[in-house]
PDB file of N, CA and C in Angstrom:
ATOM      1  N   MET A   1      22.260  16.774  21.860  1.00  0.00           N
ATOM      2  CA  MET A   1      21.400  15.646  22.154  1.00  0.00           C
ATOM      3  C   MET A   1      20.947  15.027  20.835  1.00  0.00           C
ATOM      4  N   SER A   2      21.139  13.754  20.683  1.00  0.00           N
ATOM      5  CA  SER A   2      20.825  13.050  19.447  1.00  0.00           C
ATOM      6  C   SER A   2      19.448  12.395  19.530  1.00  0.00           C
ATOM      7  N   ILE A   3      18.730  12.441  18.431  1.00  0.00           N
ATOM      8  CA  ILE A   3      17.424  11.783  18.383  1.00  0.00           C
ATOM      9  C   ILE A   3      17.608  10.278  18.237  1.00  0.00           C
ATOM     10  N   PHE A   4      18.604   9.879  17.455  1.00  0.00           N
ATOM     11  CA  PHE A   4      18.856   8.470  17.220  1.00  0.00           C
ATOM     12  C   PHE A   4      19.844   7.960  18.255  1.00  0.00           C
ATOM     13  N   ASN A   5      19.330   7.329  19.276  1.00  0.00           N
ATOM     14  CA  ASN A   5      20.206   6.726  20.275  1.00  0.00           C
ATOM     15  C   ASN A   5      19.666   5.342  20.626  1.00  0.00           C
ATOM     16  N   ARG A   6      20.376   4.647  21.465  1.00  0.00           N
ATOM     17  CA  ARG A   6      20.015   3.258  21.768  1.00  0.00           C
ATOM     18  C   ARG A   6      18.673   3.169  22.484  1.00  0.00           C
ATOM     19  N   ARG A   7      18.386   4.097  23.353  1.00  0.00           N
ATOM     20  CA  ARG A   7      17.123   4.056  24.098  1.00  0.00           C
ATOM     21  C   ARG A   7      15.944   4.223  23.155  1.00  0.00           C
ATOM     22  N   ASN A   8      16.009   5.207  22.261  1.00  0.00           N
ATOM     23  CA  ASN A   8      14.912   5.429  21.322  1.00  0.00           C
ATOM     24  C   ASN A   8      14.810   4.286  20.312  1.00  0.00           C
ATOM     25  N   ALA A   9      15.913   3.732  19.904  1.00  0.00           N
ATOM     26  CA  ALA A   9      15.891   2.605  18.982  1.00  0.00           C
ATOM     27  C   ALA A   9      15.233   1.392  19.635  1.00  0.00           C
ATOM     28  N   THR A  10      15.554   1.129  20.882  1.00  0.00           N
ATOM     29  CA  THR A  10      14.945   0.014  21.601  1.00  0.00           C
ATOM     30  C   THR A  10      13.456   0.247  21.784  1.00  0.00           C
ATOM     31  N   PHE A  11      13.080   1.442  22.162  1.00  0.00           N
ATOM     32  CA  PHE A  11      11.665   1.774  22.338  1.00  0.00           C
ATOM     33  C   PHE A  11      10.918   1.621  21.008  1.00  0.00           C
ATOM     34  N   GLY A  12      11.491   2.079  19.936  1.00  0.00           N
ATOM     35  CA  GLY A  12      10.865   1.949  18.622  1.00  0.00           C
ATOM     36  C   GLY A  12      10.718   0.494  18.208  1.00  0.00           C
ATOM     37  N   TRP A  13      11.720  -0.326  18.491  1.00  0.00           N
ATOM     38  CA  TRP A  13      11.651  -1.738  18.151  1.00  0.00           C
ATOM     39  C   TRP A  13      10.547  -2.426  18.935  1.00  0.00           C
ATOM     40  N   VAL A  14      10.423  -2.114  20.232  1.00  0.00           N
ATOM     41  CA  VAL A  14       9.385  -2.717  21.070  1.00  0.00           C
ATOM     42  C   VAL A  14       7.999  -2.304  20.569  1.00  0.00           C
ATOM     43  N   VAL A  15       7.826  -1.041  20.245  1.00  0.00           N
ATOM     44  CA  VAL A  15       6.539  -0.572  19.727  1.00  0.00           C
ATOM     45  C   VAL A  15       6.231  -1.248  18.394  1.00  0.00           C
ATOM     46  N   TRP A  16       7.220  -1.376  17.513  1.00  0.00           N
ATOM     47  CA  TRP A  16       7.025  -2.020  16.214  1.00  0.00           C
ATOM     48  C   TRP A  16       6.595  -3.477  16.393  1.00  0.00           C
ATOM     49  N   MET A  17       7.244  -4.210  17.289  1.00  0.00           N
ATOM     50  CA  MET A  17       6.877  -5.607  17.522  1.00  0.00           C
ATOM     51  C   MET A  17       5.461  -5.716  18.091  1.00  0.00           C
ATOM     52  N   ALA A  18       5.095  -4.825  18.988  1.00  0.00           N
ATOM     53  CA  ALA A  18       3.751  -4.854  19.567  1.00  0.00           C
ATOM     54  C   ALA A  18       2.699  -4.555  18.488  1.00  0.00           C
ATOM     55  N   LEU A  19       2.965  -3.597  17.638  1.00  0.00           N
ATOM     56  CA  LEU A  19       2.014  -3.267  16.574  1.00  0.00           C
ATOM     57  C   LEU A  19       1.894  -4.404  15.558  1.00  0.00           C
ATOM     58  N   LYS A  20       2.996  -5.078  15.258  1.00  0.00           N
ATOM     59  CA  LYS A  20       2.939  -6.208  14.337  1.00  0.00           C
ATOM     60  C   LYS A  20       2.092  -7.337  14.913  1.00  0.00           C
ATOM     61  N   THR A  21       2.250  -7.609  16.194  1.00  0.00           N
ATOM     62  CA  THR A  21       1.464  -8.645  16.848  1.00  0.00           C
ATOM     63  C   THR A  21      -0.018  -8.283  16.842  1.00  0.00           C
ATOM     64  N   PHE A  22      -0.317  -7.034  17.152  1.00  0.00           N
ATOM     65  CA  PHE A  22      -1.700  -6.563  17.159  1.00  0.00           C
ATOM     66  C   PHE A  22      -2.308  -6.653  15.759  1.00  0.00           C
ATOM     67  N   ALA A  23      -1.555  -6.268  14.738  1.00  0.00           N
ATOM     68  CA  ALA A  23      -2.054  -6.322  13.366  1.00  0.00           C
ATOM     69  C   ALA A  23      -2.306  -7.765  12.931  1.00  0.00           C
ATOM     70  N   ARG A  24      -1.439  -8.677  13.318  1.00  0.00           N
ATOM     71  CA  ARG A  24      -1.646 -10.088  12.983  1.00  0.00           C
ATOM     72  C   ARG A  24      -2.914 -10.626  13.625  1.00  0.00           C
ATOM     73  N   GLN A  25      -3.158 -10.265  14.876  1.00  0.00           N
ATOM     74  CA  GLN A  25      -4.367 -10.718  15.562  1.00  0.00           C
ATOM     75  C   GLN A  25      -5.615 -10.179  14.871  1.00  0.00           C
ATOM     76  N   LYS A  26      -5.597  -8.914  14.503  1.00  0.00           N
ATOM     77  CA  LYS A  26      -6.749  -8.321  13.826  1.00  0.00           C
ATOM     78  C   LYS A  26      -6.969  -8.955  12.461  1.00  0.00           C
ATOM     79  N   ALA A  27      -5.892  -9.278  11.750  1.00  0.00           N
ATOM     80  CA  ALA A  27      -6.020  -9.921  10.443  1.00  0.00           C
ATOM     81  C   ALA A  27      -6.604 -11.325  10.588  1.00  0.00           C
ATOM     82  N   ARG A  28      -6.181 -12.052  11.598  1.00  0.00           N
ATOM     83  CA  ARG A  28      -6.740 -13.389  11.819  1.00  0.00           C
ATOM     84  C   ARG A  28      -8.209 -13.321  12.180  1.00  0.00           C
ATOM     85  N   GLN A  29      -8.629 -12.323  12.914  1.00  0.00           N
ATOM     86  CA  GLN A  29     -10.032 -12.168  13.269  1.00  0.00           C
ATOM     87  C   GLN A  29     -10.883 -11.799  12.054  1.00  0.00           C
ATOM     88  N   ALA A  30     -10.306 -11.084  11.101  1.00  0.00           N
ATOM     89  CA  ALA A  30     -11.060 -10.625   9.939  1.00  0.00           C
ATOM     90  C   ALA A  30     -11.311 -11.750   8.951  1.00  0.00           C
ATOM     91  N   VAL A  31     -10.439 -12.761   8.905  1.00  0.00           N
ATOM     92  CA  VAL A  31     -10.595 -13.864   7.966  1.00  0.00           C
ATOM     93  C   VAL A  31     -11.529 -14.891   8.574  1.00  0.00           C
ATOM     94  N   PRO A  32     -12.581 -15.294   7.824  1.00  0.00           N
ATOM     95  CA  PRO A  32     -13.489 -16.289   8.379  1.00  0.00           C
ATOM     96  C   PRO A  32     -12.796 -17.638   8.526  1.00  0.00           C
ATOM     97  N   GLY A  33     -13.096 -18.307   9.587  1.00  0.00           N
ATOM     98  CA  GLY A  33     -12.459 -19.589   9.851  1.00  0.00           C
ATOM     99  C   GLY A  33     -13.355 -20.744   9.464  1.00  0.00           C
ATOM    100  N   ARG A  34     -13.199 -21.858  10.115  1.00  0.00           N
ATOM    101  CA  ARG A  34     -14.022 -23.028   9.855  1.00  0.00           C
ATOM    102  C   ARG A  34     -15.404 -22.808  10.455  1.00  0.00           C
ATOM    103  N   GLY A  35     -16.387 -23.448   9.858  1.00  0.00           N
ATOM    104  CA  GLY A  35     -17.730 -23.346  10.403  1.00  0.00           C
ATOM    105  C   GLY A  35     -18.701 -22.777   9.386  1.00  0.00           C
ATOM    106  N   ASP A  36     -19.730 -22.127   9.883  1.00  0.00           N
ATOM    107  CA  ASP A  36     -20.806 -21.614   9.034  1.00  0.00           C
ATOM    108  C   ASP A  36     -20.329 -20.542   8.078  1.00  0.00           C
ATOM    109  N   TYR A  37     -19.369 -19.744   8.470  1.00  0.00           N
ATOM    110  CA  TYR A  37     -18.952 -18.595   7.672  1.00  0.00           C
ATOM    111  C   TYR A  37     -17.630 -18.829   6.944  1.00  0.00           C
ATOM    112  N   ALA A  38     -17.279 -20.071   6.719  1.00  0.00           N
ATOM    113  CA  ALA A  38     -16.016 -20.359   6.048  1.00  0.00           C
ATOM    114  C   ALA A  38     -16.106 -19.976   4.582  1.00  0.00           C
ATOM    115  N   GLY A  39     -14.996 -19.552   4.026  1.00  0.00           N
ATOM    116  CA  GLY A  39     -14.955 -19.195   2.616  1.00  0.00           C
ATOM    117  C   GLY A  39     -14.982 -17.698   2.419  1.00  0.00           C
ATOM    118  N   LEU A  40     -15.234 -17.293   1.189  1.00  0.00           N
ATOM    119  CA  LEU A  40     -15.239 -15.875   0.864  1.00  0.00           C
ATOM    120  C   LEU A  40     -16.529 -15.228   1.327  1.00  0.00           C
ATOM    121  N   ASN A  41     -16.441 -13.995   1.758  1.00  0.00           N
ATOM    122  CA  ASN A  41     -17.627 -13.273   2.173  1.00  0.00           C
ATOM    123  C   ASN A  41     -18.295 -12.612   0.964  1.00  0.00           C
ATOM    124  N   LYS A  42     -19.470 -12.040   1.159  1.00  0.00           N
ATOM    125  CA  LYS A  42     -20.242 -11.480   0.051  1.00  0.00           C
ATOM    126  C   LYS A  42     -19.513 -10.333  -0.629  1.00  0.00           C
ATOM    127  N   GLY A  43     -18.810  -9.516   0.129  1.00  0.00           N
ATOM    128  CA  GLY A  43     -18.073  -8.396  -0.459  1.00  0.00           C
ATOM    129  C   GLY A  43     -16.972  -8.875  -1.387  1.00  0.00           C
ATOM    130  N   ALA A  44     -16.265  -9.922  -0.980  1.00  0.00           N
ATOM    131  CA  ALA A  44     -15.198 -10.466  -1.826  1.00  0.00           C
ATOM    132  C   ALA A  44     -15.774 -11.072  -3.099  1.00  0.00           C
ATOM    133  N   LEU A  45     -16.877 -11.782  -2.975  1.00  0.00           N
ATOM    134  CA  LEU A  45     -17.509 -12.365  -4.162  1.00  0.00           C
ATOM    135  C   LEU A  45     -18.010 -11.277  -5.106  1.00  0.00           C
ATOM    136  N   ALA A  46     -18.568 -10.206  -4.560  1.00  0.00           N
ATOM    137  CA  ALA A  46     -19.057  -9.106  -5.394  1.00  0.00           C
ATOM    138  C   ALA A  46     -17.914  -8.417  -6.118  1.00  0.00           C
ATOM    139  N   SER A  47     -16.796  -8.213  -5.458  1.00  0.00           N
ATOM    140  CA  SER A  47     -15.671  -7.553  -6.121  1.00  0.00           C
ATOM    141  C   SER A  47     -15.059  -8.450  -7.196  1.00  0.00           C
ATOM    142  N   ILE A  48     -15.014  -9.752  -6.959  1.00  0.00           N
ATOM    143  CA  ILE A  48     -14.512 -10.679  -7.984  1.00  0.00           C
ATOM    144  C   ILE A  48     -15.441 -10.667  -9.193  1.00  0.00           C
ATOM    145  N   GLY A  49     -16.740 -10.679  -8.939  1.00  0.00           N
ATOM    146  CA  GLY A  49     -17.713 -10.643 -10.037  1.00  0.00           C
ATOM    147  C   GLY A  49     -17.643  -9.348 -10.825  1.00  0.00           C
ATOM    148  N   ALA A  50     -17.500  -8.233 -10.133  1.00  0.00           N
ATOM    149  CA  ALA A  50     -17.412  -6.941 -10.816  1.00  0.00           C
ATOM    150  C   ALA A  50     -16.144  -6.848 -11.655  1.00  0.00           C
ATOM    151  N   THR A  51     -15.052  -7.383 -11.156  1.00  0.00           N
ATOM    152  CA  THR A  51     -13.799  -7.382 -11.916  1.00  0.00           C
ATOM    153  C   THR A  51     -13.920  -8.247 -13.163  1.00  0.00           C
ATOM    154  N   ALA A  52     -14.536  -9.414 -13.022  1.00  0.00           N
ATOM    155  CA  ALA A  52     -14.717 -10.291 -14.176  1.00  0.00           C
ATOM    156  C   ALA A  52     -15.635  -9.645 -15.212  1.00  0.00           C
ATOM    157  N   LEU A  53     -16.695  -8.998 -14.759  1.00  0.00           N
ATOM    158  CA  LEU A  53     -17.626  -8.328 -15.672  1.00  0.00           C
ATOM    159  C   LEU A  53     -16.937  -7.176 -16.399  1.00  0.00           C
ATOM    160  N   ALA A  54     -16.138  -6.406 -15.702  1.00  0.00           N
ATOM    161  CA  ALA A  54     -15.417  -5.293 -16.326  1.00  0.00           C
ATOM    162  C   ALA A  54     -14.406  -5.803 -17.350  1.00  0.00           C
ATOM    163  N   ALA A  55     -13.732  -6.895 -17.041  1.00  0.00           N
ATOM    164  CA  ALA A  55     -12.773  -7.467 -17.992  1.00  0.00           C
ATOM    165  C   ALA A  55     -13.492  -7.976 -19.235  1.00  0.00           C
ATOM    166  N   PHE A  56     -14.640  -8.621 -19.059  1.00  0.00           N
ATOM    167  CA  PHE A  56     -15.417  -9.112 -20.194  1.00  0.00           C
ATOM    168  C   PHE A  56     -15.912  -7.950 -21.055  1.00  0.00           C
ATOM    169  N   ALA A  57     -16.404  -6.879 -20.415  1.00  0.00           N
ATOM    170  CA  ALA A  57     -16.885  -5.713 -21.157  1.00  0.00           C
ATOM    171  C   ALA A  57     -15.746  -5.058 -21.936  1.00  0.00           C
ATOM    172  N   ALA A  58     -14.581  -4.966 -21.346  1.00  0.00           N
ATOM    173  CA  ALA A  58     -13.429  -4.382 -22.044  1.00  0.00           C
ATOM    174  C   ALA A  58     -13.030  -5.244 -23.231  1.00  0.00           C
ATOM    175  N   LEU A  59     -13.081  -6.557 -23.072  1.00  0.00           N
ATOM    176  CA  LEU A  59     -12.739  -7.462 -24.165  1.00  0.00           C
ATOM    177  C   LEU A  59     -13.732  -7.329 -25.317  1.00  0.00           C
ATOM    178  N   VAL A  60     -15.027  -7.267 -25.005  1.00  0.00           N
ATOM    179  CA  VAL A  60     -16.050  -7.114 -26.042  1.00  0.00           C
ATOM    180  C   VAL A  60     -15.873  -5.781 -26.755  1.00  0.00           C
ATOM    181  N   PHE A  61     -15.643  -4.719 -26.008  1.00  0.00           N
ATOM    182  CA  PHE A  61     -15.455  -3.399 -26.613  1.00  0.00           C
ATOM    183  C   PHE A  61     -14.230  -3.398 -27.526  1.00  0.00           C
ATOM    184  N   TRP A  62     -13.150  -4.006 -27.078  1.00  0.00           N
ATOM    185  CA  TRP A  62     -11.921  -4.053 -27.860  1.00  0.00           C
ATOM    186  C   TRP A  62     -12.132  -4.857 -29.144  1.00  0.00           C
ATOM    187  N   ARG A  63     -12.850  -5.992 -29.040  1.00  0.00           N
ATOM    188  CA  ARG A  63     -13.102  -6.821 -30.216  1.00  0.00           C
ATOM    189  C   ARG A  63     -13.966  -6.076 -31.235  1.00  0.00           C
ATOM    190  N   LYS A  64     -15.012  -5.397 -30.782  1.00  0.00           N
ATOM    191  CA  LYS A  64     -15.881  -4.651 -31.694  1.00  0.00           C
ATOM    192  C   LYS A  64     -15.115  -3.521 -32.367  1.00  0.00           C
ATOM    193  N   LYS A  65     -14.247  -2.872 -31.616  1.00  0.00           N
ATOM    194  CA  LYS A  65     -13.482  -1.760 -32.162  1.00  0.00           C
ATOM    195  C   LYS A  65     -12.485  -2.260 -33.210  1.00  0.00           C
ATOM    196  N   SER A  66     -11.876  -3.419 -32.984  1.00  0.00           N
ATOM    197  CA  SER A  66     -10.892  -3.930 -33.939  1.00  0.00           C
ATOM    198  C   SER A  66     -11.568  -4.569 -35.158  1.00  0.00           C
ATOM    199  N   ASP A  67     -12.834  -5.002 -35.030  1.00  0.00           N
ATOM    200  CA  ASP A  67     -13.553  -5.606 -36.147  1.00  0.00           C
ATOM    201  C   ASP A  67     -14.120  -4.568 -37.101  1.00  0.00           C
ATOM    202  N   SER A  68     -14.285  -3.338 -36.667  1.00  0.00           N
ATOM    203  CA  SER A  68     -14.885  -2.327 -37.528  1.00  0.00           C
ATOM    204  C   SER A  68     -13.914  -1.976 -38.649  1.00  0.00           C
ATOM    205  N   PRO A  69     -14.434  -1.759 -39.883  1.00  0.00           N
ATOM    206  CA  PRO A  69     -13.541  -1.429 -41.003  1.00  0.00           C
ATOM    207  C   PRO A  69     -12.945  -0.038 -40.849  1.00  0.00           C
ATOM    208  N   ALA A  70     -11.806   0.147 -41.425  1.00  0.00           N
ATOM    209  CA  ALA A  70     -11.136   1.449 -41.362  1.00  0.00           C
ATOM    210  C   ALA A  70     -11.925   2.444 -42.206  1.00  0.00           C
ATOM    211  N   ALA A  71     -11.827   3.721 -41.886  1.00  0.00           N
ATOM    212  CA  ALA A  71     -12.642   4.754 -42.528  1.00  0.00           C
ATOM    213  C   ALA A  71     -12.308   4.904 -44.011  1.00  0.00           C
ATOM    214  N   GLY A  72     -11.074   4.790 -44.414  1.00  0.00           N
ATOM    215  CA  GLY A  72     -10.686   5.053 -45.805  1.00  0.00           C
ATOM    216  C   GLY A  72     -10.406   3.786 -46.601  1.00  0.00           C
ATOM    217  N   SER A  73     -10.815   2.598 -46.132  1.00  0.00           N
ATOM    218  CA  SER A  73     -10.447   1.383 -46.818  1.00  0.00           C
ATOM    219  C   SER A  73     -11.503   0.889 -47.786  1.00  0.00           C
ATOM    220  N   GLU A  74     -12.523   1.660 -48.122  1.00  0.00           N
ATOM    221  CA  GLU A  74     -13.587   1.209 -49.040  1.00  0.00           C
ATOM    222  C   GLU A  74     -13.108   1.289 -50.392  1.00  0.00           C
TER     223      GLU A  74
END
């Protein structure tokens, strides 16, 4: 008895299509649409701000580290 046969392949394809449709519906519900809540939500804005702040801090740290004189160059 084979696991991979036409019946199981068809059943798997039907389940895959149903799950894809369900996932698309859930994704559309999660994204704010037109109206009062249009645009990015607070969590997205906070993560963008935190990423920008971390990038700025890394840049400042890197600049300070590269500006410092070498230990034996006096």
